[in-house]
Amino acid sequence: NMDNKEAYYHIGNAYEELKDFAKAAEAYQKFVGSKPENAWMGNLRLGLCRVELGDYEQAVAALKKAQEKKPQDIKINYNLAQALQKAGRFQEAEEAYKSLAAINPDDANVYYSTILRMYDEAGQNDKAIEAAKKLIELNPQSEINVYNLGIMYMKLERFDEAIDTFKKVLEIRPGYAYAFYNIGFCYSKQKKYKESIEAFEKFVELSPDSAD
């Protein structure tokens, strides 16, 4: 029965298990092409296979079709965000991660951390600032969240803001050695050597065995 739509879907499943993603994608393409009622399932699997094949633009296209039918589905939206990120479509990926945070607020910290890391790895630290601030808003007592904002400022050479932020880290966790280290680094870049030495001395006091 060549019109058996479900058979194509299961053939795709089998090829996925064998890690033959090209043949799996071909089977899923035939499945969705037959216009079954549950085509979104095929588009989801097709999109995941396209990601495995490194064909990110086609993955995005398939996952968007799946999203049209299941706009609130966390798995579909997450994989779409990942595919957009891998395709270098960072602005769209950011919006997708933000949508996920609205759908699944319990994991909002994960999604904004991903946005921060995405822009940091892309060298677009100015765009990472908003995500870093949102993480602090979500958990203002997390010294790591505040520290990461300081790092973004430091990479942008916004040293005054970086120093102020690292000082806020020390308000939360007074013995955070690398906050002192980065304060010292920022002051040295500003040629404020007295202040830099004071910060580095505190770092040495807290981390006497550190080669840094």
Protein backbone atom coordinates (compact mmCIF):
# COMPACT_ATOMS: atom_id res chain seq x y z
CA ASN A 1 0.00 0.00 0.00
CA MET A 2 2.07 2.90 -1.31
CA ASP A 3 -0.44 5.38 0.15
CA ASN A 4 0.23 4.28 3.74
CA LYS A 5 1.24 7.62 5.20
CA GLU A 6 2.26 6.31 8.61
CA ALA A 7 4.75 3.88 7.08
CA TYR A 8 6.92 6.80 5.91
CA TYR A 9 6.99 8.17 9.45
CA HIS A 10 8.10 4.85 10.92
CA ILE A 11 10.72 4.38 8.18
CA GLY A 12 12.07 7.78 9.20
CA ASN A 13 12.15 6.66 12.85
CA ALA A 14 14.09 3.53 11.89
CA TYR A 15 16.67 5.44 9.84
CA GLU A 16 17.09 7.90 12.74
CA GLU A 17 17.89 4.99 15.03
CA LEU A 18 20.52 3.91 12.51
CA LYS A 19 21.91 7.49 12.49
CA ASP A 20 21.25 7.69 8.74
CA PHE A 21 19.80 11.18 8.95
CA ALA A 22 19.74 11.79 5.19
CA LYS A 23 17.47 8.80 4.54
CA ALA A 24 15.43 9.63 7.64
CA ALA A 25 14.89 13.16 6.34
CA GLU A 26 13.84 11.78 2.96
CA ALA A 27 11.25 9.54 4.62
CA TYR A 28 9.91 12.33 6.81
CA GLN A 29 9.71 14.59 3.75
CA LYS A 30 7.50 11.99 2.05
CA PHE A 31 5.41 11.72 5.21
CA VAL A 32 4.69 15.45 5.46
CA GLY A 33 4.24 15.61 1.68
CA SER A 34 1.36 13.18 2.00
CA LYS A 35 -0.40 15.80 4.16
CA PRO A 36 -1.38 13.66 7.14
CA GLU A 37 -3.34 15.14 10.03
CA ASN A 38 -0.29 14.86 12.30
CA ALA A 39 2.14 16.43 9.83
CA TRP A 40 3.62 18.51 12.68
CA MET A 41 5.23 15.32 14.06
CA GLY A 42 6.95 14.72 10.75
CA ASN A 43 8.09 18.33 10.50
CA LEU A 44 9.55 18.13 14.01
CA ARG A 45 11.51 14.96 13.17
CA LEU A 46 12.48 16.38 9.77
CA GLY A 47 13.80 19.52 11.43
CA LEU A 48 15.86 17.51 13.92
CA CYS A 49 17.37 15.45 11.10
CA ARG A 50 18.22 18.62 9.16
CA VAL A 51 20.05 19.91 12.25
CA GLU A 52 22.05 16.67 12.41
CA LEU A 53 22.94 17.14 8.74
CA GLY A 54 24.05 20.74 9.36
CA ASP A 55 21.32 22.06 7.07
CA TYR A 56 20.13 24.68 9.54
CA GLU A 57 18.04 26.82 7.21
CA GLN A 58 15.97 23.82 6.10
CA ALA A 59 15.73 22.76 9.76
CA VAL A 60 14.30 26.16 10.66
CA ALA A 61 11.75 25.91 7.85
CA ALA A 62 10.54 22.48 9.00
CA LEU A 63 10.43 23.41 12.68
CA LYS A 64 8.46 26.57 11.92
CA LYS A 65 5.84 24.44 10.16
CA ALA A 66 5.65 22.23 13.25
CA GLN A 67 5.36 25.34 15.43
CA GLU A 68 2.38 26.59 13.40
CA LYS A 69 0.36 23.60 14.63
CA LYS A 70 1.82 23.45 18.15
CA PRO A 71 2.75 27.06 19.07
CA GLN A 72 3.04 26.31 22.80
CA ASP A 73 5.03 23.09 22.51
CA ILE A 74 8.27 23.49 24.51
CA LYS A 75 10.26 20.88 22.56
CA ILE A 76 9.40 22.36 19.17
CA ASN A 77 10.13 25.92 20.28
CA TYR A 78 13.41 24.95 21.94
CA ASN A 79 14.66 23.07 18.88
CA LEU A 80 13.59 25.98 16.66
CA ALA A 81 15.57 28.39 18.85
CA GLN A 82 18.60 26.09 18.67
CA ALA A 83 18.34 25.81 14.88
CA LEU A 84 18.06 29.60 14.51
CA GLN A 85 21.12 30.00 16.71
CA LYS A 86 23.13 27.48 14.67
CA ALA A 87 22.01 29.24 11.48
CA GLY A 88 23.51 32.47 12.84
CA ARG A 89 20.10 34.13 13.01
CA PHE A 90 20.79 35.41 16.50
CA GLN A 91 18.06 38.05 16.78
CA GLU A 92 15.40 35.52 15.84
CA ALA A 93 16.96 32.95 18.18
CA GLU A 94 16.84 35.49 21.01
CA GLU A 95 13.14 36.10 20.39
CA ALA A 96 12.52 32.35 20.31
CA TYR A 97 14.28 31.86 23.66
CA LYS A 98 12.30 34.75 25.14
CA SER A 99 9.08 33.14 23.92
CA LEU A 100 10.16 29.94 25.65
CA ALA A 101 10.69 31.87 28.88
CA ALA A 102 7.10 33.11 28.62
CA ILE A 103 5.77 29.60 27.89
CA ASN A 104 7.91 27.91 30.53
CA PRO A 105 8.82 30.52 33.20
CA ASP A 106 10.26 27.88 35.54
CA ASP A 107 13.21 27.52 33.14
CA ALA A 108 13.52 31.21 32.21
CA ASN A 109 16.97 31.29 33.79
CA VAL A 110 18.13 28.58 31.36
CA TYR A 111 16.84 30.42 28.30
CA TYR A 112 18.33 33.80 29.22
CA SER A 113 21.63 32.11 30.11
CA THR A 114 21.62 30.61 26.62
CA ILE A 115 21.03 34.04 25.07
CA LEU A 116 23.92 35.43 27.10
CA ARG A 117 26.25 32.60 26.06
CA MET A 118 25.13 32.84 22.41
CA TYR A 119 26.02 36.50 22.09
CA ASP A 120 29.21 36.09 24.13
CA GLU A 121 30.44 33.30 21.85
CA ALA A 122 29.54 35.42 18.81
CA GLY A 123 31.56 38.34 20.22
CA GLN A 124 28.42 40.49 20.43
CA ASN A 125 28.77 41.32 24.10
CA ASP A 126 26.77 44.53 23.80
CA LYS A 127 23.72 42.42 22.94
CA ALA A 128 24.44 40.10 25.87
CA ILE A 129 23.96 42.94 28.38
CA GLU A 130 20.15 42.78 28.30
CA ALA A 131 20.14 39.03 28.96
CA ALA A 132 22.64 39.44 31.81
CA LYS A 133 20.43 42.09 33.42
CA LYS A 134 17.35 39.88 33.00
CA LEU A 135 19.15 37.05 34.80
CA ILE A 136 19.86 39.37 37.73
CA GLU A 137 16.20 40.42 37.72
CA LEU A 138 15.21 36.74 37.92
CA ASN A 139 17.65 36.02 40.76
CA PRO A 140 19.20 39.18 42.26
CA GLN A 141 21.05 37.23 44.97
CA SER A 142 23.01 35.10 42.52
CA GLU A 143 26.60 36.30 42.54
CA ILE A 144 27.20 34.38 39.29
CA ASN A 145 24.53 36.36 37.46
CA VAL A 146 25.97 39.66 38.68
CA TYR A 147 29.52 38.46 37.91
CA ASN A 148 28.55 37.60 34.32
CA LEU A 149 27.20 41.11 33.79
CA GLY A 150 30.53 42.46 35.02
CA ILE A 151 32.36 40.23 32.55
CA MET A 152 30.26 41.58 29.67
CA TYR A 153 31.06 45.17 30.69
CA MET A 154 34.73 44.28 30.98
CA LYS A 155 34.83 42.73 27.50
CA LEU A 156 33.26 45.92 26.15
CA GLU A 157 35.94 47.95 27.99
CA ARG A 158 33.23 49.72 29.99
CA PHE A 159 35.50 49.53 33.00
CA ASP A 160 33.67 51.87 35.40
CA GLU A 161 30.48 49.85 35.01
CA ALA A 162 32.43 46.60 35.31
CA ILE A 163 34.07 47.72 38.57
CA ASP A 164 30.74 48.81 40.05
CA THR A 165 29.22 45.46 39.07
CA PHE A 166 32.07 43.40 40.55
CA LYS A 167 31.70 45.41 43.76
CA LYS A 168 28.05 44.34 43.84
CA VAL A 169 29.25 40.74 43.54
CA LEU A 170 31.30 41.30 46.69
CA GLU A 171 28.24 42.62 48.51
CA ILE A 172 26.58 39.26 47.86
CA ARG A 173 29.69 37.13 48.40
CA PRO A 174 32.49 39.04 50.13
CA GLY A 175 35.11 36.34 49.57
CA TYR A 176 34.67 36.01 45.81
CA ALA A 177 38.36 36.11 44.85
CA TYR A 178 37.95 36.60 41.11
CA ALA A 179 35.73 39.62 41.63
CA PHE A 180 38.79 41.27 43.23
CA TYR A 181 40.95 39.96 40.38
CA ASN A 182 38.72 41.56 37.74
CA ILE A 183 38.47 44.81 39.68
CA GLY A 184 42.27 44.88 39.71
CA PHE A 185 42.36 44.17 35.99
CA CYS A 186 39.89 46.97 35.20
CA TYR A 187 41.79 49.49 37.32
CA SER A 188 45.05 48.49 35.61
CA LYS A 189 43.47 49.17 32.22
CA GLN A 190 42.47 52.61 33.51
CA LYS A 191 46.05 53.12 34.75
CA LYS A 192 44.77 53.48 38.30
CA TYR A 193 47.61 51.41 39.62
CA LYS A 194 47.21 52.11 43.34
CA GLU A 195 43.61 50.88 43.29
CA SER A 196 44.67 47.98 41.06
CA ILE A 197 47.35 46.87 43.52
CA GLU A 198 44.89 47.01 46.42
CA ALA A 199 42.47 44.75 44.56
CA PHE A 200 45.19 42.32 43.48
CA GLU A 201 46.56 42.15 47.03
CA LYS A 202 43.11 41.14 48.23
CA PHE A 203 42.97 38.52 45.50
CA VAL A 204 46.36 37.13 46.60
CA GLU A 205 45.16 37.07 50.20
CA LEU A 206 42.10 35.03 49.22
CA SER A 207 43.93 32.80 46.70
CA PRO A 208 47.53 32.46 47.91
CA ASP A 209 48.16 29.35 45.81
CA SER A 210 46.88 30.83 42.54
CA ALA A 211 49.50 31.38 39.87
CA ASP A 212 47.43 34.32 38.64
